């Protein structure tokens, strides 16, 4: 996919409700992945997340801020490398992003001492996909079962 652009990366990031955030554990140095829900994705490929500050993930991220976000749907996969920055004092952004889904996780509401806000800053992204989107991808996969031919696909990397 030679026409991969930052705009396309942002479009894919915005289309997924859930992502896998992979970080380095401060306890054992291993990679750990966690499902997360981006509250907002900006034109600059930044993603905003609420996070529980008293959990192991937040502790890991305060120690090592480099992370990877993985997005997947039928026929396409996106991996975005970057780092996170905690923005817990940004009351304006908390007010902007707050919603009922977030409230379910934080009993104390916007004043919950466990409430954290972090901004993911994308640095590079790699995309793997099959041309034509989901329908074509599914058709190619089914057809390959009968023909023995591999489905077509491509990969490209973009610096953000």
N, C-alpha and C. Protein backbone atom coordinates (compact mmCIF):
# COMPACT_ATOMS: atom_id res chain seq x y z
N UNK A 1 0.85 -1.18 0.00
CA UNK A 1 0.00 0.00 0.00
C UNK A 1 0.88 1.23 0.00
N UNK A 2 1.29 1.69 -1.15
CA UNK A 2 2.23 2.79 -1.26
C UNK A 2 1.59 4.16 -1.04
N UNK A 3 0.27 4.23 -0.96
CA UNK A 3 -0.40 5.51 -0.77
C UNK A 3 -0.81 5.74 0.69
N UNK A 4 -0.12 5.10 1.62
CA UNK A 4 -0.41 5.26 3.03
C UNK A 4 -0.01 6.67 3.48
N UNK A 5 -0.93 7.36 4.10
CA UNK A 5 -0.69 8.72 4.58
C UNK A 5 -1.09 8.82 6.05
N UNK A 6 -0.68 9.91 6.67
CA UNK A 6 -1.09 10.14 8.05
C UNK A 6 -2.61 10.25 8.13
N UNK A 7 -3.23 10.84 7.14
CA UNK A 7 -4.69 10.97 7.13
C UNK A 7 -5.36 9.60 7.13
N UNK A 8 -4.81 8.65 6.37
CA UNK A 8 -5.35 7.29 6.33
C UNK A 8 -5.15 6.60 7.68
N UNK A 9 -3.99 6.81 8.29
CA UNK A 9 -3.71 6.24 9.62
C UNK A 9 -4.74 6.75 10.62
N UNK A 10 -4.98 8.05 10.62
CA UNK A 10 -5.96 8.65 11.54
C UNK A 10 -7.35 8.08 11.28
N UNK A 11 -7.71 7.94 10.02
CA UNK A 11 -9.02 7.38 9.66
C UNK A 11 -9.19 5.97 10.25
N UNK A 12 -8.16 5.15 10.13
CA UNK A 12 -8.22 3.79 10.68
C UNK A 12 -8.29 3.84 12.20
N UNK A 13 -7.47 4.69 12.82
CA UNK A 13 -7.48 4.81 14.28
C UNK A 13 -8.85 5.22 14.79
N UNK A 14 -9.50 6.12 14.08
CA UNK A 14 -10.83 6.59 14.49
C UNK A 14 -11.93 5.55 14.28
N UNK A 15 -11.70 4.62 13.37
CA UNK A 15 -12.75 3.66 13.04
C UNK A 15 -12.87 2.52 14.05
N UNK A 16 -11.88 2.35 14.90
CA UNK A 16 -11.89 1.23 15.84
C UNK A 16 -12.29 1.69 17.24
N UNK A 17 -13.24 0.98 17.83
CA UNK A 17 -13.71 1.32 19.18
C UNK A 17 -12.73 0.87 20.26
N UNK A 18 -12.08 -0.26 20.01
CA UNK A 18 -11.14 -0.80 20.99
C UNK A 18 -9.79 -1.02 20.33
N UNK A 19 -8.73 -0.84 21.10
CA UNK A 19 -7.37 -1.08 20.62
C UNK A 19 -6.63 -1.89 21.69
N UNK A 20 -5.53 -2.48 21.29
CA UNK A 20 -4.66 -3.15 22.26
C UNK A 20 -3.44 -2.25 22.45
N UNK A 21 -3.22 -1.86 23.71
CA UNK A 21 -2.07 -1.04 24.06
C UNK A 21 -1.03 -1.98 24.68
N UNK A 22 0.16 -2.01 24.09
CA UNK A 22 1.23 -2.87 24.59
C UNK A 22 2.29 -2.00 25.24
N UNK A 23 2.64 -2.38 26.48
CA UNK A 23 3.63 -1.63 27.25
C UNK A 23 4.65 -2.61 27.83
N UNK A 24 5.69 -2.06 28.44
CA UNK A 24 6.72 -2.86 29.08
C UNK A 24 6.45 -2.89 30.58
N UNK A 25 6.37 -4.09 31.14
CA UNK A 25 6.13 -4.23 32.58
C UNK A 25 7.37 -3.80 33.36
N UNK A 26 7.16 -2.98 34.38
CA UNK A 26 8.30 -2.56 35.20
C UNK A 26 8.75 -3.70 36.12
N UNK A 27 7.88 -4.68 36.34
CA UNK A 27 8.22 -5.80 37.23
C UNK A 27 9.11 -6.84 36.57
N UNK A 28 8.79 -7.21 35.33
CA UNK A 28 9.55 -8.29 34.70
C UNK A 28 10.14 -7.93 33.34
N UNK A 29 9.91 -6.69 32.86
CA UNK A 29 10.46 -6.25 31.59
C UNK A 29 9.81 -6.86 30.37
N UNK A 30 8.76 -7.64 30.58
CA UNK A 30 8.06 -8.27 29.45
C UNK A 30 7.01 -7.34 28.88
N UNK A 31 6.60 -7.64 27.66
CA UNK A 31 5.53 -6.88 27.02
C UNK A 31 4.19 -7.38 27.53
N UNK A 32 3.31 -6.44 27.85
CA UNK A 32 1.95 -6.76 28.30
C UNK A 32 0.98 -5.93 27.46
N UNK A 33 -0.12 -6.55 27.04
CA UNK A 33 -1.12 -5.85 26.23
C UNK A 33 -2.42 -5.71 27.00
N UNK A 34 -3.08 -4.58 26.79
CA UNK A 34 -4.31 -4.26 27.50
C UNK A 34 -5.32 -3.67 26.51
N UNK A 35 -6.58 -4.11 26.57
CA UNK A 35 -7.59 -3.47 25.73
C UNK A 35 -7.90 -2.08 26.27
N UNK A 36 -7.99 -1.13 25.39
CA UNK A 36 -8.27 0.26 25.78
C UNK A 36 -9.27 0.86 24.79
N UNK A 37 -9.93 1.93 25.23
CA UNK A 37 -10.88 2.64 24.38
C UNK A 37 -10.39 4.07 24.18
N UNK A 38 -9.96 4.42 22.97
CA UNK A 38 -9.57 5.82 22.74
C UNK A 38 -10.80 6.72 22.82
N UNK A 39 -10.68 7.81 23.55
CA UNK A 39 -11.79 8.75 23.68
C UNK A 39 -11.80 9.75 22.54
N UNK A 40 -10.62 9.99 21.98
CA UNK A 40 -10.51 10.93 20.86
C UNK A 40 -9.21 10.64 20.13
N UNK A 41 -9.25 10.76 18.80
CA UNK A 41 -8.04 10.67 17.98
C UNK A 41 -7.94 11.97 17.19
N UNK A 42 -6.80 12.65 17.28
CA UNK A 42 -6.63 13.94 16.62
C UNK A 42 -6.06 13.76 15.22
N UNK A 43 -6.04 14.84 14.46
CA UNK A 43 -5.47 14.83 13.10
C UNK A 43 -3.98 14.50 13.12
N UNK A 44 -3.33 14.71 14.27
CA UNK A 44 -1.90 14.45 14.42
C UNK A 44 -1.61 13.02 14.86
N UNK A 45 -2.63 12.16 14.83
CA UNK A 45 -2.51 10.75 15.25
C UNK A 45 -2.21 10.63 16.74
N UNK A 46 -2.72 11.58 17.51
CA UNK A 46 -2.67 11.47 18.96
C UNK A 46 -3.99 10.86 19.42
N UNK A 47 -3.92 10.02 20.44
CA UNK A 47 -5.13 9.39 20.97
C UNK A 47 -5.19 9.66 22.47
N UNK A 48 -6.39 9.97 22.95
CA UNK A 48 -6.60 10.28 24.36
C UNK A 48 -7.31 9.11 25.03
N UNK A 49 -6.83 8.75 26.23
CA UNK A 49 -7.38 7.64 27.00
C UNK A 49 -7.55 8.04 28.46
N UNK A 50 -8.60 7.53 29.09
CA UNK A 50 -8.69 7.58 30.54
C UNK A 50 -8.07 6.30 31.06
N UNK A 51 -7.46 6.38 32.25
CA UNK A 51 -6.76 5.23 32.82
C UNK A 51 -6.86 5.29 34.34
N UNK A 52 -6.93 4.14 34.97
CA UNK A 52 -6.89 4.08 36.43
C UNK A 52 -5.46 4.25 36.91
N UNK A 53 -5.23 5.27 37.71
CA UNK A 53 -3.87 5.59 38.15
C UNK A 53 -3.31 4.59 39.15
N UNK A 54 -4.19 3.87 39.84
CA UNK A 54 -3.73 2.95 40.88
C UNK A 54 -3.50 1.54 40.36
N UNK A 55 -3.48 1.37 39.07
CA UNK A 55 -3.30 0.04 38.49
C UNK A 55 -1.89 -0.19 37.99
N UNK A 56 -1.62 -1.44 37.69
CA UNK A 56 -0.30 -1.84 37.21
C UNK A 56 0.06 -1.19 35.88
N UNK A 57 -0.92 -1.03 34.99
CA UNK A 57 -0.64 -0.42 33.69
C UNK A 57 -0.13 1.01 33.85
N UNK A 58 -0.80 1.81 34.67
CA UNK A 58 -0.36 3.19 34.88
C UNK A 58 1.05 3.23 35.47
N UNK A 59 1.30 2.34 36.41
CA UNK A 59 2.64 2.29 37.01
C UNK A 59 3.70 1.95 35.95
N UNK A 60 3.37 0.98 35.09
CA UNK A 60 4.30 0.61 34.02
C UNK A 60 4.56 1.80 33.09
N UNK A 61 3.50 2.51 32.74
CA UNK A 61 3.63 3.63 31.79
C UNK A 61 4.37 4.82 32.39
N UNK A 62 4.28 4.99 33.69
CA UNK A 62 5.03 6.07 34.34
C UNK A 62 6.52 5.74 34.37
N UNK A 63 6.83 4.46 34.35
CA UNK A 63 8.23 4.00 34.32
C UNK A 63 8.81 4.03 32.91
N UNK A 64 8.05 3.50 31.94
CA UNK A 64 8.47 3.43 30.54
C UNK A 64 7.30 3.88 29.67
N UNK A 65 7.43 5.02 29.04
CA UNK A 65 6.29 5.61 28.32
C UNK A 65 6.14 5.11 26.89
N UNK A 66 7.11 4.36 26.37
CA UNK A 66 7.01 3.86 24.99
C UNK A 66 5.98 2.73 24.93
N UNK A 67 5.07 2.85 23.95
CA UNK A 67 3.99 1.86 23.80
C UNK A 67 3.72 1.60 22.33
N UNK A 68 2.88 0.62 22.11
CA UNK A 68 2.38 0.32 20.77
C UNK A 68 0.87 0.17 20.85
N UNK A 69 0.17 0.73 19.88
CA UNK A 69 -1.27 0.53 19.76
C UNK A 69 -1.51 -0.37 18.56
N UNK A 70 -2.34 -1.39 18.73
CA UNK A 70 -2.67 -2.31 17.64
C UNK A 70 -4.16 -2.22 17.34
N UNK A 71 -4.46 -2.04 16.06
CA UNK A 71 -5.84 -1.94 15.56
C UNK A 71 -6.03 -3.07 14.56
N UNK A 72 -7.19 -3.72 14.59
CA UNK A 72 -7.43 -4.81 13.64
C UNK A 72 -8.89 -4.88 13.25
N UNK A 73 -9.11 -5.22 12.00
CA UNK A 73 -10.44 -5.55 11.50
C UNK A 73 -10.21 -6.55 10.36
N UNK A 74 -11.27 -7.13 9.87
CA UNK A 74 -11.13 -8.13 8.82
C UNK A 74 -10.34 -7.54 7.65
N UNK A 75 -9.22 -8.15 7.33
CA UNK A 75 -8.45 -7.75 6.16
C UNK A 75 -7.46 -6.62 6.35
N UNK A 76 -7.39 -6.01 7.55
CA UNK A 76 -6.40 -4.95 7.74
C UNK A 76 -5.96 -4.88 9.19
N UNK A 77 -4.69 -4.50 9.35
CA UNK A 77 -4.08 -4.40 10.65
C UNK A 77 -3.21 -3.16 10.68
N UNK A 78 -3.25 -2.46 11.80
CA UNK A 78 -2.46 -1.24 11.96
C UNK A 78 -1.73 -1.30 13.29
N UNK A 79 -0.44 -1.02 13.25
CA UNK A 79 0.40 -0.97 14.44
C UNK A 79 1.00 0.43 14.51
N UNK A 80 0.75 1.14 15.61
CA UNK A 80 1.25 2.51 15.76
C UNK A 80 2.15 2.57 16.99
N UNK A 81 3.41 2.94 16.78
CA UNK A 81 4.38 3.07 17.86
C UNK A 81 4.43 4.52 18.31
N UNK A 82 4.65 4.70 19.60
CA UNK A 82 4.76 6.05 20.13
C UNK A 82 5.01 6.03 21.62
N UNK A 83 4.60 7.10 22.27
CA UNK A 83 4.75 7.18 23.72
C UNK A 83 3.51 7.85 24.32
N UNK A 84 3.36 7.69 25.63
CA UNK A 84 2.23 8.32 26.31
C UNK A 84 2.74 9.39 27.27
N UNK A 85 1.90 10.39 27.46
CA UNK A 85 2.17 11.46 28.42
C UNK A 85 0.93 11.60 29.29
N UNK A 86 1.13 11.66 30.61
CA UNK A 86 0.00 11.82 31.51
C UNK A 86 -0.40 13.28 31.58
N UNK A 87 -1.70 13.52 31.49
CA UNK A 87 -2.26 14.88 31.47
C UNK A 87 -3.32 15.01 32.56
N UNK A 88 -3.05 14.45 33.74
CA UNK A 88 -4.05 14.37 34.80
C UNK A 88 -4.57 15.72 35.26
N UNK A 89 -3.77 16.76 35.14
CA UNK A 89 -4.18 18.09 35.59
C UNK A 89 -4.96 18.85 34.54
N UNK A 90 -5.14 18.28 33.37
CA UNK A 90 -5.83 18.96 32.27
C UNK A 90 -7.34 18.83 32.44
N UNK A 91 -7.90 19.66 33.34
CA UNK A 91 -9.33 19.58 33.67
C UNK A 91 -10.21 19.88 32.46
N UNK A 92 -9.77 20.78 31.61
CA UNK A 92 -10.55 21.12 30.41
C UNK A 92 -10.70 19.90 29.50
N UNK A 93 -9.62 19.15 29.32
CA UNK A 93 -9.66 17.96 28.46
C UNK A 93 -10.48 16.86 29.12
N UNK A 94 -10.37 16.71 30.43
CA UNK A 94 -11.20 15.72 31.13
C UNK A 94 -12.67 16.04 30.93
N UNK A 95 -13.05 17.31 31.09
CA UNK A 95 -14.45 17.72 30.87
C UNK A 95 -14.89 17.43 29.43
N UNK A 96 -14.02 17.71 28.47
CA UNK A 96 -14.35 17.51 27.06
C UNK A 96 -14.60 16.03 26.74
N UNK A 97 -13.78 15.15 27.30
CA UNK A 97 -13.82 13.73 26.93
C UNK A 97 -14.72 12.88 27.83
N UNK A 98 -15.14 13.41 28.95
CA UNK A 98 -15.93 12.64 29.92
C UNK A 98 -17.24 12.17 29.31
N UNK A 99 -17.62 10.92 29.60
CA UNK A 99 -18.89 10.38 29.11
C UNK A 99 -19.36 9.28 30.05
N UNK A 100 -20.56 8.78 29.81
CA UNK A 100 -21.14 7.76 30.70
C UNK A 100 -20.32 6.48 30.73
N UNK A 101 -19.72 6.12 29.61
CA UNK A 101 -18.88 4.93 29.58
C UNK A 101 -17.69 5.04 30.51
N UNK A 102 -17.09 6.21 30.56
CA UNK A 102 -15.95 6.45 31.46
C UNK A 102 -16.44 6.49 32.90
N UNK A 103 -17.58 7.13 33.13
CA UNK A 103 -18.13 7.26 34.48
C UNK A 103 -18.35 5.89 35.13
N UNK A 104 -18.66 4.89 34.33
CA UNK A 104 -18.90 3.55 34.87
C UNK A 104 -17.65 2.97 35.53
N UNK A 105 -16.48 3.44 35.14
CA UNK A 105 -15.22 2.91 35.68
C UNK A 105 -14.70 3.73 36.87
N UNK A 106 -15.21 4.93 37.06
CA UNK A 106 -14.68 5.82 38.09
C UNK A 106 -15.83 6.31 38.97
N UNK A 107 -16.01 5.63 40.12
CA UNK A 107 -17.13 5.91 41.02
C UNK A 107 -17.17 7.36 41.50
N UNK A 108 -16.01 7.97 41.66
CA UNK A 108 -15.93 9.33 42.16
C UNK A 108 -16.09 10.38 41.07
N UNK A 109 -16.48 9.95 39.88
CA UNK A 109 -16.66 10.89 38.77
C UNK A 109 -15.35 11.55 38.38
N UNK A 110 -15.46 12.77 37.92
CA UNK A 110 -14.28 13.50 37.44
C UNK A 110 -13.29 13.83 38.56
N UNK A 111 -13.75 13.72 39.81
CA UNK A 111 -12.88 14.00 40.96
C UNK A 111 -12.28 12.74 41.56
N UNK A 112 -12.54 11.59 40.97
CA UNK A 112 -12.03 10.32 41.49
C UNK A 112 -10.51 10.37 41.55
N UNK A 113 -9.91 10.07 42.70
CA UNK A 113 -8.45 10.13 42.81
C UNK A 113 -7.73 9.09 41.94
N UNK A 114 -8.47 8.09 41.46
CA UNK A 114 -7.89 7.07 40.59
C UNK A 114 -7.93 7.48 39.12
N UNK A 115 -8.64 8.56 38.80
CA UNK A 115 -8.83 8.98 37.41
C UNK A 115 -7.55 9.58 36.83
N UNK A 116 -7.10 8.99 35.74
CA UNK A 116 -5.95 9.52 35.03
C UNK A 116 -6.32 9.77 33.58
N UNK A 117 -5.64 10.71 32.96
CA UNK A 117 -5.84 11.02 31.55
C UNK A 117 -4.47 10.95 30.88
N UNK A 118 -4.41 10.21 29.78
CA UNK A 118 -3.13 10.15 29.08
C UNK A 118 -3.32 10.38 27.59
N UNK A 119 -2.29 10.97 27.03
CA UNK A 119 -2.26 11.28 25.60
C UNK A 119 -1.20 10.40 24.96
N UNK A 120 -1.63 9.65 23.94
CA UNK A 120 -0.70 8.85 23.14
C UNK A 120 -0.23 9.71 21.99
N UNK A 121 1.07 9.78 21.79
CA UNK A 121 1.67 10.53 20.69
C UNK A 121 2.27 9.51 19.72
N UNK A 122 1.66 9.39 18.54
CA UNK A 122 2.15 8.45 17.55
C UNK A 122 3.43 8.93 16.90
N UNK A 123 4.36 8.01 16.68
CA UNK A 123 5.64 8.34 16.05
C UNK A 123 5.82 7.65 14.70
N UNK A 124 5.36 6.41 14.59
CA UNK A 124 5.39 5.71 13.31
C UNK A 124 4.28 4.68 13.28
N UNK A 125 3.86 4.34 12.08
CA UNK A 125 2.76 3.39 11.93
C UNK A 125 3.06 2.43 10.80
N UNK A 126 2.66 1.20 10.98
CA UNK A 126 2.78 0.20 9.92
C UNK A 126 1.41 -0.40 9.68
N UNK A 127 1.06 -0.53 8.40
CA UNK A 127 -0.25 -1.04 7.99
C UNK A 127 -0.06 -2.27 7.12
N UNK A 128 -0.86 -3.27 7.38
CA UNK A 128 -0.93 -4.45 6.52
C UNK A 128 -2.38 -4.57 6.09
N UNK A 129 -2.60 -4.75 4.82
CA UNK A 129 -3.98 -4.85 4.38
C UNK A 129 -4.14 -5.50 3.04
N UNK A 130 -5.38 -5.80 2.77
CA UNK A 130 -5.75 -6.36 1.49
C UNK A 130 -6.57 -5.31 0.76
N UNK A 131 -6.27 -5.07 -0.51
CA UNK A 131 -6.98 -4.04 -1.25
C UNK A 131 -8.47 -4.37 -1.36
N UNK A 132 -9.29 -3.33 -1.31
CA UNK A 132 -10.72 -3.52 -1.52
C UNK A 132 -11.56 -3.59 -0.27
N UNK A 133 -10.94 -3.54 0.89
CA UNK A 133 -11.71 -3.51 2.12
C UNK A 133 -12.19 -4.87 2.59
N UNK A 134 -13.12 -4.84 3.55
CA UNK A 134 -13.58 -6.05 4.23
C UNK A 134 -14.22 -7.07 3.29
N UNK A 135 -15.12 -6.62 2.45
CA UNK A 135 -15.86 -7.55 1.59
C UNK A 135 -14.92 -8.27 0.65
N UNK A 136 -14.04 -7.52 0.00
CA UNK A 136 -13.08 -8.14 -0.92
C UNK A 136 -12.14 -9.06 -0.15
N UNK A 137 -11.71 -8.64 1.03
CA UNK A 137 -10.81 -9.46 1.83
C UNK A 137 -11.45 -10.80 2.18
N UNK A 138 -12.69 -10.76 2.63
CA UNK A 138 -13.39 -12.00 2.97
C UNK A 138 -13.54 -12.89 1.74
N UNK A 139 -13.89 -12.29 0.62
CA UNK A 139 -14.06 -13.06 -0.62
C UNK A 139 -12.74 -13.72 -1.03
N UNK A 140 -11.63 -12.98 -0.90
CA UNK A 140 -10.32 -13.54 -1.26
C UNK A 140 -9.94 -14.70 -0.33
N UNK A 141 -10.26 -14.56 0.94
CA UNK A 141 -9.93 -15.62 1.89
C UNK A 141 -10.72 -16.88 1.57
N UNK A 142 -12.01 -16.73 1.32
CA UNK A 142 -12.86 -17.88 0.98
C UNK A 142 -12.40 -18.51 -0.33
N UNK A 143 -12.14 -17.68 -1.34
CA UNK A 143 -11.69 -18.18 -2.64
C UNK A 143 -10.37 -18.94 -2.51
N UNK A 144 -9.48 -18.45 -1.67
CA UNK A 144 -8.17 -19.09 -1.52
C UNK A 144 -8.29 -20.51 -0.98
N UNK A 145 -9.34 -20.78 -0.22
CA UNK A 145 -9.56 -22.13 0.30
C UNK A 145 -9.76 -23.12 -0.85
N UNK A 146 -10.38 -22.65 -1.92
CA UNK A 146 -10.70 -23.52 -3.06
C UNK A 146 -9.60 -23.54 -4.12
N UNK A 147 -8.94 -22.41 -4.30
CA UNK A 147 -7.94 -22.31 -5.37
C UNK A 147 -6.52 -22.62 -4.90
N UNK A 148 -6.29 -22.46 -3.61
CA UNK A 148 -4.94 -22.64 -3.09
C UNK A 148 -4.08 -21.40 -3.26
N UNK A 149 -4.60 -20.36 -3.91
CA UNK A 149 -3.87 -19.10 -4.09
C UNK A 149 -3.95 -18.28 -2.81
N UNK A 150 -2.86 -17.61 -2.50
CA UNK A 150 -2.86 -16.73 -1.33
C UNK A 150 -3.63 -15.45 -1.64
N UNK A 151 -4.36 -14.93 -0.65
CA UNK A 151 -5.01 -13.63 -0.85
C UNK A 151 -3.95 -12.56 -1.05
N UNK A 152 -4.25 -11.55 -1.87
CA UNK A 152 -3.29 -10.47 -2.09
C UNK A 152 -3.26 -9.56 -0.87
N UNK A 153 -2.17 -8.88 -0.68
CA UNK A 153 -2.04 -7.98 0.45
C UNK A 153 -0.81 -7.12 0.29
N UNK A 154 -0.68 -6.14 1.19
CA UNK A 154 0.47 -5.25 1.11
C UNK A 154 0.79 -4.73 2.50
N UNK A 155 1.94 -4.07 2.60
CA UNK A 155 2.38 -3.49 3.86
C UNK A 155 3.09 -2.18 3.55
N UNK A 156 2.94 -1.22 4.46
CA UNK A 156 3.62 0.06 4.29
C UNK A 156 3.84 0.68 5.66
N UNK A 157 4.83 1.54 5.76
CA UNK A 157 5.16 2.22 7.00
C UNK A 157 5.17 3.72 6.76
N UNK A 158 4.71 4.48 7.77
CA UNK A 158 4.67 5.93 7.66
C UNK A 158 5.19 6.52 8.97
N UNK A 159 6.02 7.55 8.91
CA UNK A 159 6.44 8.28 10.10
C UNK A 159 5.42 9.37 10.36
N UNK A 160 5.02 9.50 11.61
CA UNK A 160 3.99 10.48 11.97
C UNK A 160 4.60 11.76 12.51
